[in-house]
Amino acid sequence: MQCSSITFSRHALSQMFTRNIAVDEVVAVLGDGEAIETYPDDTPYPSCLLVGKPSNRILHVVAARNSVDALCIVITAYEPSPRLWQPDFKTRNK
């Protein structure tokens, strides 16, 4: 996800703190991660779910992007549960 700048929602910062996820890890997923789901109808901006492996652990990051100024807003970040995801952490279990 190409961003000119990044901001974090209060929820994202709270969840990152609780889950021991560093800002640098989230920034790495935004830069190098793969979009595995898109949410084009989210408001106020379309968002997506990204997966990446910074610091040798799998992370999911949900972020929205304002296409006018390329501002990325991090909504949340978490380590995906193997109970909910396939081993590649890209496909939800049915």
PDB file of N, CA and C in Angstrom:
ATOM      1  N   MET A   1       0.859  -1.163   0.000  1.00  0.00           N
ATOM      2  CA  MET A   1       0.000   0.000   0.000  1.00  0.00           C
ATOM      3  C   MET A   1       0.906   1.225   0.000  1.00  0.00           C
ATOM      4  N   GLN A   2       0.823   2.015  -1.030  1.00  0.00           N
ATOM      5  CA  GLN A   2       1.678   3.196  -1.117  1.00  0.00           C
ATOM      6  C   GLN A   2       1.059   4.349  -0.342  1.00  0.00           C
ATOM      7  N   CYS A   3       1.847   4.887   0.584  1.00  0.00           N
ATOM      8  CA  CYS A   3       1.373   5.954   1.459  1.00  0.00           C
ATOM      9  C   CYS A   3       2.350   7.122   1.439  1.00  0.00           C
ATOM     10  N   SER A   4       1.806   8.323   1.369  1.00  0.00           N
ATOM     11  CA  SER A   4       2.667   9.494   1.519  1.00  0.00           C
ATOM     12  C   SER A   4       2.930   9.756   2.992  1.00  0.00           C
ATOM     13  N   SER A   5       1.954   9.408   3.819  1.00  0.00           N
ATOM     14  CA  SER A   5       2.114   9.479   5.270  1.00  0.00           C
ATOM     15  C   SER A   5       1.159   8.471   5.908  1.00  0.00           C
ATOM     16  N   ILE A   6       1.433   8.166   7.164  1.00  0.00           N
ATOM     17  CA  ILE A   6       0.667   7.154   7.869  1.00  0.00           C
ATOM     18  C   ILE A   6       0.187   7.739   9.191  1.00  0.00           C
ATOM     19  N   THR A   7      -1.067   7.457   9.508  1.00  0.00           N
ATOM     20  CA  THR A   7      -1.603   7.823  10.812  1.00  0.00           C
ATOM     21  C   THR A   7      -2.260   6.589  11.412  1.00  0.00           C
ATOM     22  N   PHE A   8      -2.319   6.550  12.715  1.00  0.00           N
ATOM     23  CA  PHE A   8      -2.864   5.398  13.430  1.00  0.00           C
ATOM     24  C   PHE A   8      -4.115   5.820  14.186  1.00  0.00           C
ATOM     25  N   SER A   9      -5.190   5.036  14.039  1.00  0.00           N
ATOM     26  CA  SER A   9      -6.387   5.310  14.821  1.00  0.00           C
ATOM     27  C   SER A   9      -6.087   5.020  16.286  1.00  0.00           C
ATOM     28  N   ARG A  10      -6.876   5.594  17.151  1.00  0.00           N
ATOM     29  CA  ARG A  10      -6.725   5.347  18.587  1.00  0.00           C
ATOM     30  C   ARG A  10      -6.894   3.845  18.861  1.00  0.00           C
ATOM     31  N   HIS A  11      -7.866   3.237  18.173  1.00  0.00           N
ATOM     32  CA  HIS A  11      -8.100   1.799  18.322  1.00  0.00           C
ATOM     33  C   HIS A  11      -6.854   1.003  17.927  1.00  0.00           C
ATOM     34  N   ALA A  12      -6.252   1.366  16.789  1.00  0.00           N
ATOM     35  CA  ALA A  12      -5.057   0.647  16.334  1.00  0.00           C
ATOM     36  C   ALA A  12      -3.939   0.737  17.369  1.00  0.00           C
ATOM     37  N   LEU A  13      -3.688   1.918  17.877  1.00  0.00           N
ATOM     38  CA  LEU A  13      -2.609   2.083  18.861  1.00  0.00           C
ATOM     39  C   LEU A  13      -2.888   1.282  20.130  1.00  0.00           C
ATOM     40  N   SER A  14      -4.128   1.299  20.567  1.00  0.00           N
ATOM     41  CA  SER A  14      -4.497   0.534  21.757  1.00  0.00           C
ATOM     42  C   SER A  14      -4.292  -0.963  21.530  1.00  0.00           C
ATOM     43  N   GLN A  15      -4.753  -1.463  20.390  1.00  0.00           N
ATOM     44  CA  GLN A  15      -4.612  -2.875  20.083  1.00  0.00           C
ATOM     45  C   GLN A  15      -3.152  -3.270  19.875  1.00  0.00           C
ATOM     46  N   MET A  16      -2.382  -2.413  19.233  1.00  0.00           N
ATOM     47  CA  MET A  16      -0.962  -2.692  19.020  1.00  0.00           C
ATOM     48  C   MET A  16      -0.237  -2.781  20.365  1.00  0.00           C
ATOM     49  N   PHE A  17      -0.546  -1.881  21.269  1.00  0.00           N
ATOM     50  CA  PHE A  17       0.073  -1.904  22.592  1.00  0.00           C
ATOM     51  C   PHE A  17      -0.285  -3.199  23.319  1.00  0.00           C
ATOM     52  N   THR A  18      -1.574  -3.537  23.321  1.00  0.00           N
ATOM     53  CA  THR A  18      -2.046  -4.745  23.998  1.00  0.00           C
ATOM     54  C   THR A  18      -1.415  -5.999  23.400  1.00  0.00           C
ATOM     55  N   ARG A  19      -1.231  -6.008  22.092  1.00  0.00           N
ATOM     56  CA  ARG A  19      -0.741  -7.196  21.383  1.00  0.00           C
ATOM     57  C   ARG A  19       0.765  -7.179  21.162  1.00  0.00           C
ATOM     58  N   ASN A  20       1.448  -6.172  21.706  1.00  0.00           N
ATOM     59  CA  ASN A  20       2.900  -6.041  21.584  1.00  0.00           C
ATOM     60  C   ASN A  20       3.349  -6.003  20.121  1.00  0.00           C
ATOM     61  N   ILE A  21       2.668  -5.172  19.337  1.00  0.00           N
ATOM     62  CA  ILE A  21       3.009  -4.976  17.922  1.00  0.00           C
ATOM     63  C   ILE A  21       3.610  -3.577  17.783  1.00  0.00           C
ATOM     64  N   ALA A  22       4.810  -3.512  17.233  1.00  0.00           N
ATOM     65  CA  ALA A  22       5.522  -2.243  17.104  1.00  0.00           C
ATOM     66  C   ALA A  22       5.077  -1.472  15.865  1.00  0.00           C
ATOM     67  N   VAL A  23       5.189  -0.165  15.949  1.00  0.00           N
ATOM     68  CA  VAL A  23       4.872   0.703  14.815  1.00  0.00           C
ATOM     69  C   VAL A  23       5.692   0.289  13.597  1.00  0.00           C
ATOM     70  N   ASP A  24       6.969  -0.017  13.787  1.00  0.00           N
ATOM     71  CA  ASP A  24       7.837  -0.416  12.671  1.00  0.00           C
ATOM     72  C   ASP A  24       7.326  -1.675  11.975  1.00  0.00           C
ATOM     73  N   GLU A  25       6.751  -2.590  12.736  1.00  0.00           N
ATOM     74  CA  GLU A  25       6.211  -3.810  12.148  1.00  0.00           C
ATOM     75  C   GLU A  25       5.016  -3.485  11.251  1.00  0.00           C
ATOM     76  N   VAL A  26       4.143  -2.617  11.716  1.00  0.00           N
ATOM     77  CA  VAL A  26       2.971  -2.225  10.926  1.00  0.00           C
ATOM     78  C   VAL A  26       3.403  -1.485   9.673  1.00  0.00           C
ATOM     79  N   VAL A  27       4.358  -0.581   9.808  1.00  0.00           N
ATOM     80  CA  VAL A  27       4.871   0.158   8.650  1.00  0.00           C
ATOM     81  C   VAL A  27       5.462  -0.812   7.627  1.00  0.00           C
ATOM     82  N   ALA A  28       6.158  -1.841   8.090  1.00  0.00           N
ATOM     83  CA  ALA A  28       6.723  -2.843   7.178  1.00  0.00           C
ATOM     84  C   ALA A  28       5.621  -3.588   6.425  1.00  0.00           C
ATOM     85  N   VAL A  29       4.538  -3.946   7.113  1.00  0.00           N
ATOM     86  CA  VAL A  29       3.425  -4.628   6.443  1.00  0.00           C
ATOM     87  C   VAL A  29       2.782  -3.691   5.425  1.00  0.00           C
ATOM     88  N   LEU A  30       2.621  -2.422   5.761  1.00  0.00           N
ATOM     89  CA  LEU A  30       2.055  -1.467   4.797  1.00  0.00           C
ATOM     90  C   LEU A  30       2.935  -1.362   3.551  1.00  0.00           C
ATOM     91  N   GLY A  31       4.232  -1.429   3.748  1.00  0.00           N
ATOM     92  CA  GLY A  31       5.155  -1.281   2.620  1.00  0.00           C
ATOM     93  C   GLY A  31       5.352  -2.530   1.795  1.00  0.00           C
ATOM     94  N   ASP A  32       5.397  -3.687   2.465  1.00  0.00           N
ATOM     95  CA  ASP A  32       5.765  -4.928   1.782  1.00  0.00           C
ATOM     96  C   ASP A  32       4.684  -5.999   1.813  1.00  0.00           C
ATOM     97  N   GLY A  33       3.608  -5.752   2.559  1.00  0.00           N
ATOM     98  CA  GLY A  33       2.580  -6.769   2.723  1.00  0.00           C
ATOM     99  C   GLY A  33       1.733  -6.973   1.477  1.00  0.00           C
ATOM    100  N   GLU A  34       0.946  -8.044   1.522  1.00  0.00           N
ATOM    101  CA  GLU A  34       0.068  -8.401   0.412  1.00  0.00           C
ATOM    102  C   GLU A  34      -1.380  -8.143   0.821  1.00  0.00           C
ATOM    103  N   ALA A  35      -2.130  -7.448  -0.031  1.00  0.00           N
ATOM    104  CA  ALA A  35      -3.553  -7.229   0.219  1.00  0.00           C
ATOM    105  C   ALA A  35      -4.287  -8.540  -0.045  1.00  0.00           C
ATOM    106  N   ILE A  36      -4.988  -9.041   0.979  1.00  0.00           N
ATOM    107  CA  ILE A  36      -5.683 -10.320   0.824  1.00  0.00           C
ATOM    108  C   ILE A  36      -7.202 -10.150   0.805  1.00  0.00           C
ATOM    109  N   GLU A  37      -7.688  -9.020   1.271  1.00  0.00           N
ATOM    110  CA  GLU A  37      -9.110  -8.694   1.185  1.00  0.00           C
ATOM    111  C   GLU A  37      -9.228  -7.194   0.970  1.00  0.00           C
ATOM    112  N   THR A  38     -10.223  -6.790   0.204  1.00  0.00           N
ATOM    113  CA  THR A  38     -10.476  -5.361   0.010  1.00  0.00           C
ATOM    114  C   THR A  38     -11.896  -5.046   0.446  1.00  0.00           C
ATOM    115  N   TYR A  39     -12.064  -3.846   0.946  1.00  0.00           N
ATOM    116  CA  TYR A  39     -13.355  -3.372   1.421  1.00  0.00           C
ATOM    117  C   TYR A  39     -13.641  -2.021   0.758  1.00  0.00           C
ATOM    118  N   PRO A  40     -14.014  -2.050  -0.528  1.00  0.00           N
ATOM    119  CA  PRO A  40     -14.165  -0.807  -1.290  1.00  0.00           C
ATOM    120  C   PRO A  40     -15.306   0.088  -0.811  1.00  0.00           C
ATOM    121  N   ASP A  41     -16.259  -0.466  -0.074  1.00  0.00           N
ATOM    122  CA  ASP A  41     -17.398   0.327   0.381  1.00  0.00           C
ATOM    123  C   ASP A  41     -17.223   0.911   1.777  1.00  0.00           C
ATOM    124  N   ASP A  42     -16.064   0.664   2.399  1.00  0.00           N
ATOM    125  CA  ASP A  42     -15.817   1.256   3.711  1.00  0.00           C
ATOM    126  C   ASP A  42     -15.807   2.776   3.606  1.00  0.00           C
ATOM    127  N   THR A  43     -16.248   3.420   4.669  1.00  0.00           N
ATOM    128  CA  THR A  43     -16.240   4.878   4.702  1.00  0.00           C
ATOM    129  C   THR A  43     -15.451   5.334   5.923  1.00  0.00           C
ATOM    130  N   PRO A  44     -14.800   6.449   5.859  1.00  0.00           N
ATOM    131  CA  PRO A  44     -14.836   7.423   4.774  1.00  0.00           C
ATOM    132  C   PRO A  44     -13.929   7.079   3.590  1.00  0.00           C
ATOM    133  N   TYR A  45     -13.069   6.028   3.761  1.00  0.00           N
ATOM    134  CA  TYR A  45     -12.166   5.637   2.670  1.00  0.00           C
ATOM    135  C   TYR A  45     -12.201   4.124   2.498  1.00  0.00           C
ATOM    136  N   PRO A  46     -11.991   3.645   1.290  1.00  0.00           N
ATOM    137  CA  PRO A  46     -11.868   2.197   1.086  1.00  0.00           C
ATOM    138  C   PRO A  46     -10.698   1.659   1.915  1.00  0.00           C
ATOM    139  N   SER A  47     -10.834   0.427   2.374  1.00  0.00           N
ATOM    140  CA  SER A  47      -9.762  -0.162   3.179  1.00  0.00           C
ATOM    141  C   SER A  47      -9.437  -1.554   2.673  1.00  0.00           C
ATOM    142  N   CYS A  48      -8.403  -2.135   3.256  1.00  0.00           N
ATOM    143  CA  CYS A  48      -8.021  -3.493   2.882  1.00  0.00           C
ATOM    144  C   CYS A  48      -7.337  -4.171   4.056  1.00  0.00           C
ATOM    145  N   LEU A  49      -7.288  -5.493   3.960  1.00  0.00           N
ATOM    146  CA  LEU A  49      -6.584  -6.319   4.928  1.00  0.00           C
ATOM    147  C   LEU A  49      -5.289  -6.773   4.280  1.00  0.00           C
ATOM    148  N   LEU A  50      -4.191  -6.487   4.937  1.00  0.00           N
ATOM    149  CA  LEU A  50      -2.866  -6.858   4.441  1.00  0.00           C
ATOM    150  C   LEU A  50      -2.259  -7.919   5.343  1.00  0.00           C
ATOM    151  N   VAL A  51      -1.461  -8.796   4.753  1.00  0.00           N
ATOM    152  CA  VAL A  51      -0.713  -9.773   5.528  1.00  0.00           C
ATOM    153  C   VAL A  51       0.770  -9.569   5.236  1.00  0.00           C
ATOM    154  N   GLY A  52       1.567  -9.702   6.265  1.00  0.00           N
ATOM    155  CA  GLY A  52       3.011  -9.577   6.101  1.00  0.00           C
ATOM    156  C   GLY A  52       3.720 -10.311   7.225  1.00  0.00           C
ATOM    157  N   LYS A  53       5.036 -10.397   7.107  1.00  0.00           N
ATOM    158  CA  LYS A  53       5.828 -11.139   8.091  1.00  0.00           C
ATOM    159  C   LYS A  53       7.037 -10.322   8.554  1.00  0.00           C
ATOM    160  N   PRO A  54       6.765  -9.212   9.235  1.00  0.00           N
ATOM    161  CA  PRO A  54       7.894  -8.467   9.797  1.00  0.00           C
ATOM    162  C   PRO A  54       8.369  -9.146  11.080  1.00  0.00           C
ATOM    163  N   SER A  55       9.581  -8.991  11.428  1.00  0.00           N
ATOM    164  CA  SER A  55      10.109  -9.526  12.691  1.00  0.00           C
ATOM    165  C   SER A  55       9.804 -11.008  12.878  1.00  0.00           C
ATOM    166  N   ASN A  56       9.724 -11.722  11.772  1.00  0.00           N
ATOM    167  CA  ASN A  56       9.550 -13.184  11.808  1.00  0.00           C
ATOM    168  C   ASN A  56       8.232 -13.662  12.418  1.00  0.00           C
ATOM    169  N   ARG A  57       7.185 -12.850  12.335  1.00  0.00           N
ATOM    170  CA  ARG A  57       5.855 -13.302  12.754  1.00  0.00           C
ATOM    171  C   ARG A  57       4.819 -12.760  11.773  1.00  0.00           C
ATOM    172  N   ILE A  58       3.767 -13.516  11.586  1.00  0.00           N
ATOM    173  CA  ILE A  58       2.710 -13.120  10.662  1.00  0.00           C
ATOM    174  C   ILE A  58       1.837 -12.068  11.328  1.00  0.00           C
ATOM    175  N   LEU A  59       1.575 -10.983  10.603  1.00  0.00           N
ATOM    176  CA  LEU A  59       0.665  -9.943  11.085  1.00  0.00           C
ATOM    177  C   LEU A  59      -0.368  -9.625  10.025  1.00  0.00           C
ATOM    178  N   HIS A  60      -1.557  -9.294  10.478  1.00  0.00           N
ATOM    179  CA  HIS A  60      -2.594  -8.723   9.636  1.00  0.00           C
ATOM    180  C   HIS A  60      -2.737  -7.256  10.026  1.00  0.00           C
ATOM    181  N   VAL A  61      -2.869  -6.405   9.028  1.00  0.00           N
ATOM    182  CA  VAL A  61      -3.081  -4.980   9.245  1.00  0.00           C
ATOM    183  C   VAL A  61      -4.267  -4.557   8.391  1.00  0.00           C
ATOM    184  N   VAL A  62      -5.227  -3.893   9.014  1.00  0.00           N
ATOM    185  CA  VAL A  62      -6.338  -3.298   8.276  1.00  0.00           C
ATOM    186  C   VAL A  62      -6.051  -1.815   8.187  1.00  0.00           C
ATOM    187  N   ALA A  63      -6.064  -1.309   6.959  1.00  0.00           N
ATOM    188  CA  ALA A  63      -5.759   0.106   6.742  1.00  0.00           C
ATOM    189  C   ALA A  63      -6.635   0.661   5.634  1.00  0.00           C
ATOM    190  N   ALA A  64      -6.913   1.947   5.750  1.00  0.00           N
ATOM    191  CA  ALA A  64      -7.657   2.674   4.729  1.00  0.00           C
ATOM    192  C   ALA A  64      -6.699   3.660   4.078  1.00  0.00           C
ATOM    193  N   ARG A  65      -7.023   4.061   2.843  1.00  0.00           N
ATOM    194  CA  ARG A  65      -6.148   4.992   2.124  1.00  0.00           C
ATOM    195  C   ARG A  65      -6.984   6.066   1.464  1.00  0.00           C
ATOM    196  N   ASN A  66      -6.651   7.306   1.774  1.00  0.00           N
ATOM    197  CA  ASN A  66      -7.268   8.450   1.118  1.00  0.00           C
ATOM    198  C   ASN A  66      -6.518   8.659  -0.194  1.00  0.00           C
ATOM    199  N   SER A  67      -7.156   8.373  -1.304  1.00  0.00           N
ATOM    200  CA  SER A  67      -6.472   8.419  -2.602  1.00  0.00           C
ATOM    201  C   SER A  67      -6.093   9.825  -3.025  1.00  0.00           C
ATOM    202  N   VAL A  68      -6.713  10.839  -2.458  1.00  0.00           N
ATOM    203  CA  VAL A  68      -6.402  12.222  -2.829  1.00  0.00           C
ATOM    204  C   VAL A  68      -4.990  12.604  -2.398  1.00  0.00           C
ATOM    205  N   ASP A  69      -4.646  12.272  -1.161  1.00  0.00           N
ATOM    206  CA  ASP A  69      -3.313  12.650  -0.665  1.00  0.00           C
ATOM    207  C   ASP A  69      -2.452  11.452  -0.261  1.00  0.00           C
ATOM    208  N   ALA A  70      -2.926  10.230  -0.526  1.00  0.00           N
ATOM    209  CA  ALA A  70      -2.204   8.993  -0.230  1.00  0.00           C
ATOM    210  C   ALA A  70      -1.920   8.813   1.263  1.00  0.00           C
ATOM    211  N   LEU A  71      -2.779   9.405   2.105  1.00  0.00           N
ATOM    212  CA  LEU A  71      -2.679   9.199   3.546  1.00  0.00           C
ATOM    213  C   LEU A  71      -3.228   7.829   3.877  1.00  0.00           C
ATOM    214  N   CYS A  72      -2.453   7.023   4.604  1.00  0.00           N
ATOM    215  CA  CYS A  72      -2.919   5.716   5.063  1.00  0.00           C
ATOM    216  C   CYS A  72      -3.300   5.822   6.531  1.00  0.00           C
ATOM    217  N   ILE A  73      -4.470   5.268   6.853  1.00  0.00           N
ATOM    218  CA  ILE A  73      -4.965   5.259   8.217  1.00  0.00           C
ATOM    219  C   ILE A  73      -4.994   3.810   8.688  1.00  0.00           C
ATOM    220  N   VAL A  74      -4.187   3.492   9.675  1.00  0.00           N
ATOM    221  CA  VAL A  74      -4.156   2.138  10.224  1.00  0.00           C
ATOM    222  C   VAL A  74      -5.343   2.002  11.165  1.00  0.00           C
ATOM    223  N   ILE A  75      -6.174   0.999  10.899  1.00  0.00           N
ATOM    224  CA  ILE A  75      -7.388   0.772  11.681  1.00  0.00           C
ATOM    225  C   ILE A  75      -7.137  -0.218  12.800  1.00  0.00           C
ATOM    226  N   THR A  76      -6.430  -1.302  12.492  1.00  0.00           N
ATOM    227  CA  THR A  76      -6.056  -2.276  13.518  1.00  0.00           C
ATOM    228  C   THR A  76      -4.931  -3.169  12.998  1.00  0.00           C
ATOM    229  N   ALA A  77      -4.305  -3.881  13.915  1.00  0.00           N
ATOM    230  CA  ALA A  77      -3.242  -4.837  13.579  1.00  0.00           C
ATOM    231  C   ALA A  77      -3.315  -5.970  14.585  1.00  0.00           C
ATOM    232  N   TYR A  78      -3.073  -7.194  14.099  1.00  0.00           N
ATOM    233  CA  TYR A  78      -3.168  -8.348  14.982  1.00  0.00           C
ATOM    234  C   TYR A  78      -2.426  -9.531  14.376  1.00  0.00           C
ATOM    235  N   GLU A  79      -2.122 -10.514  15.240  1.00  0.00           N
ATOM    236  CA  GLU A  79      -1.600 -11.800  14.779  1.00  0.00           C
ATOM    237  C   GLU A  79      -2.809 -12.682  14.482  1.00  0.00           C
ATOM    238  N   PRO A  80      -2.941 -13.151  13.247  1.00  0.00           N
ATOM    239  CA  PRO A  80      -4.116 -13.954  12.904  1.00  0.00           C
ATOM    240  C   PRO A  80      -4.112 -15.307  13.618  1.00  0.00           C
ATOM    241  N   SER A  81      -5.296 -15.744  13.992  1.00  0.00           N
ATOM    242  CA  SER A  81      -5.450 -17.022  14.687  1.00  0.00           C
ATOM    243  C   SER A  81      -5.456 -18.185  13.690  1.00  0.00           C
ATOM    244  N   PRO A  82      -4.677 -19.220  13.939  1.00  0.00           N
ATOM    245  CA  PRO A  82      -4.709 -20.407  13.073  1.00  0.00           C
ATOM    246  C   PRO A  82      -6.080 -21.084  13.057  1.00  0.00           C
ATOM    247  N   ARG A  83      -6.890 -20.857  14.079  1.00  0.00           N
ATOM    248  CA  ARG A  83      -8.246 -21.413  14.100  1.00  0.00           C
ATOM    249  C   ARG A  83      -9.139 -20.746  13.054  1.00  0.00           C
ATOM    250  N   LEU A  84      -8.836 -19.496  12.704  1.00  0.00           N
ATOM    251  CA  LEU A  84      -9.681 -18.741  11.788  1.00  0.00           C
ATOM    252  C   LEU A  84      -9.137 -18.671  10.369  1.00  0.00           C
ATOM    253  N   TRP A  85      -7.855 -18.997  10.197  1.00  0.00           N
ATOM    254  CA  TRP A  85      -7.191 -18.830   8.904  1.00  0.00           C
ATOM    255  C   TRP A  85      -6.512 -20.107   8.456  1.00  0.00           C
ATOM    256  N   GLN A  86      -6.411 -20.294   7.163  1.00  0.00           N
ATOM    257  CA  GLN A  86      -5.645 -21.384   6.577  1.00  0.00           C
ATOM    258  C   GLN A  86      -4.169 -21.169   6.920  1.00  0.00           C
ATOM    259  N   PRO A  87      -3.314 -22.195   6.762  1.00  0.00           N
ATOM    260  CA  PRO A  87      -1.901 -22.072   7.131  1.00  0.00           C
ATOM    261  C   PRO A  87      -1.151 -20.919   6.448  1.00  0.00           C
ATOM    262  N   ASP A  88      -1.619 -20.475   5.287  1.00  0.00           N
ATOM    263  CA  ASP A  88      -0.956 -19.340   4.628  1.00  0.00           C
ATOM    264  C   ASP A  88      -1.385 -17.993   5.216  1.00  0.00           C
ATOM    265  N   PHE A  89      -2.388 -17.998   6.098  1.00  0.00           N
ATOM    266  CA  PHE A  89      -2.950 -16.813   6.731  1.00  0.00           C
ATOM    267  C   PHE A  89      -3.497 -15.801   5.738  1.00  0.00           C
ATOM    268  N   LYS A  90      -3.816 -16.298   4.526  1.00  0.00           N
ATOM    269  CA  LYS A  90      -4.386 -15.451   3.480  1.00  0.00           C
ATOM    270  C   LYS A  90      -5.845 -15.805   3.195  1.00  0.00           C
ATOM    271  N   THR A  91      -6.252 -17.000   3.626  1.00  0.00           N
ATOM    272  CA  THR A  91      -7.591 -17.505   3.347  1.00  0.00           C
ATOM    273  C   THR A  91      -8.292 -17.854   4.647  1.00  0.00           C
ATOM    274  N   ARG A  92      -9.503 -17.332   4.809  1.00  0.00           N
ATOM    275  CA  ARG A  92     -10.261 -17.622   6.024  1.00  0.00           C
ATOM    276  C   ARG A  92     -10.746 -19.074   5.996  1.00  0.00           C
ATOM    277  N   ASN A  93     -10.774 -19.691   7.174  1.00  0.00           N
ATOM    278  CA  ASN A  93     -11.374 -21.018   7.291  1.00  0.00           C
ATOM    279  C   ASN A  93     -12.880 -20.882   7.094  1.00  0.00           C
ATOM    280  N   LYS A  94     -13.463 -21.928   6.543  1.00  0.00           N
ATOM    281  CA  LYS A  94     -14.909 -21.895   6.310  1.00  0.00           C
ATOM    282  C   LYS A  94     -15.663 -22.520   7.458  1.00  0.00           C
TER     283      LYS A  94
END
